[in-house]
Amino acid sequence: MLAEMAWFGFVAFSGLRMFSYIPQIWRIAADKTGAAAISYTTWGLWTGANASTAVYAATSLHDVWLAFVSGVYAICCVTVIALTALKRQGDGSE
């Protein structure tokens, strides 16, 4: 019973988390100030955490689902970093 509840919670929050990246990506894309509020350090750490979870899930746990969603999270984080870099390059900010 507890395992099923944990799985349901994981699936529900993972789904919400997938969609939670979209507003952040849209706001950066629309930003005209070089995305000054975005921290490379924070998003870099989240990228590393998600990427390492994906690799660990795939190689040690053999959990394809966790590896997949963690990989998608890492891609979303890289997208935020890349868009921020593009915005700052175009704005002349760092």
Protein backbone atom coordinates (compact mmCIF):
# COMPACT_ATOMS: atom_id res chain seq x y z
CA MET A 1 0.00 0.00 0.00
CA LEU A 2 2.73 2.48 0.95
CA ALA A 3 4.72 1.60 -2.17
CA GLU A 4 1.68 2.27 -4.36
CA MET A 5 1.06 5.61 -2.64
CA ALA A 6 4.71 6.55 -3.08
CA TRP A 7 4.55 5.60 -6.78
CA PHE A 8 1.39 7.67 -7.26
CA GLY A 9 3.03 10.66 -5.54
CA PHE A 10 6.13 10.28 -7.68
CA VAL A 11 4.12 10.08 -10.90
CA ALA A 12 1.86 13.01 -9.95
CA PHE A 13 4.66 15.33 -8.89
CA SER A 14 6.93 14.25 -11.75
CA GLY A 15 4.19 15.15 -14.20
CA LEU A 16 3.69 18.53 -12.56
CA ARG A 17 7.43 19.08 -12.45
CA MET A 18 7.74 18.40 -16.18
CA PHE A 19 5.26 21.17 -16.88
CA SER A 20 6.74 23.52 -14.27
CA TYR A 21 9.78 24.12 -16.46
CA ILE A 22 7.66 25.54 -19.28
CA PRO A 23 6.74 28.89 -17.62
CA GLN A 24 10.38 29.44 -16.63
CA ILE A 25 11.58 28.75 -20.17
CA TRP A 26 8.89 31.05 -21.62
CA ARG A 27 9.77 33.85 -19.22
CA ILE A 28 13.44 33.65 -20.11
CA ALA A 29 12.61 33.59 -23.82
CA ALA A 30 10.50 36.74 -23.42
CA ASP A 31 12.92 38.50 -21.08
CA LYS A 32 14.43 41.74 -22.37
CA THR A 33 16.94 42.28 -19.55
CA GLY A 34 19.37 39.40 -20.07
CA ALA A 35 17.55 37.05 -17.68
CA ALA A 36 19.35 38.66 -14.76
CA ALA A 37 17.38 36.71 -12.14
CA ILE A 38 18.64 33.32 -13.39
CA SER A 39 21.55 31.81 -11.49
CA TYR A 40 23.90 29.67 -13.56
CA THR A 41 25.15 28.05 -10.35
CA THR A 42 21.69 26.96 -9.21
CA TRP A 43 20.58 25.69 -12.61
CA GLY A 44 23.97 24.00 -13.10
CA LEU A 45 23.59 22.17 -9.79
CA TRP A 46 20.07 21.09 -10.73
CA THR A 47 21.36 19.89 -14.09
CA GLY A 48 24.07 17.85 -12.39
CA ALA A 49 21.65 16.40 -9.84
CA ASN A 50 19.17 15.39 -12.52
CA ALA A 51 21.80 14.02 -14.91
CA SER A 52 23.52 12.00 -12.18
CA THR A 53 20.15 10.63 -11.03
CA ALA A 54 19.43 9.57 -14.61
CA VAL A 55 22.76 7.77 -14.91
CA TYR A 56 22.43 6.16 -11.47
CA ALA A 57 18.87 5.03 -12.18
CA ALA A 58 19.91 3.52 -15.49
CA THR A 59 23.13 1.83 -14.40
CA SER A 60 22.56 0.85 -10.76
CA LEU A 61 18.81 0.64 -10.31
CA HIS A 62 17.94 -0.43 -13.86
CA ASP A 63 14.93 1.86 -13.52
CA VAL A 64 14.13 3.05 -17.03
CA TRP A 65 11.30 5.36 -15.93
CA LEU A 66 13.38 7.23 -13.33
CA ALA A 67 16.29 7.45 -15.75
CA PHE A 68 14.02 8.86 -18.46
CA VAL A 69 12.29 11.50 -16.37
CA SER A 70 15.54 12.57 -14.73
CA GLY A 71 17.09 12.91 -18.18
CA VAL A 72 14.16 15.08 -19.28
CA TYR A 73 14.61 17.25 -16.17
CA ALA A 74 18.29 17.65 -17.00
CA ILE A 75 17.43 18.65 -20.58
CA CYS A 76 14.98 21.25 -19.26
CA CYS A 77 17.67 22.65 -16.96
CA VAL A 78 20.16 22.82 -19.83
CA THR A 79 17.50 24.61 -21.88
CA VAL A 80 17.16 27.25 -19.14
CA ILE A 81 20.94 27.69 -19.01
CA ALA A 82 21.28 27.91 -22.79
CA LEU A 83 18.43 30.42 -23.17
CA THR A 84 19.89 32.52 -20.37
CA ALA A 85 23.30 32.49 -22.06
CA LEU A 86 21.72 33.54 -25.35
CA LYS A 87 19.79 36.34 -23.66
CA ARG A 88 22.89 37.60 -21.86
CA GLN A 89 24.99 37.39 -25.00
CA GLY A 90 22.44 39.44 -26.93
CA ASP A 91 22.07 41.89 -24.05
CA GLY A 92 25.79 42.29 -23.44
CA SER A 93 25.31 41.12 -19.82
CA GLU A 94 27.09 38.24 -18.12
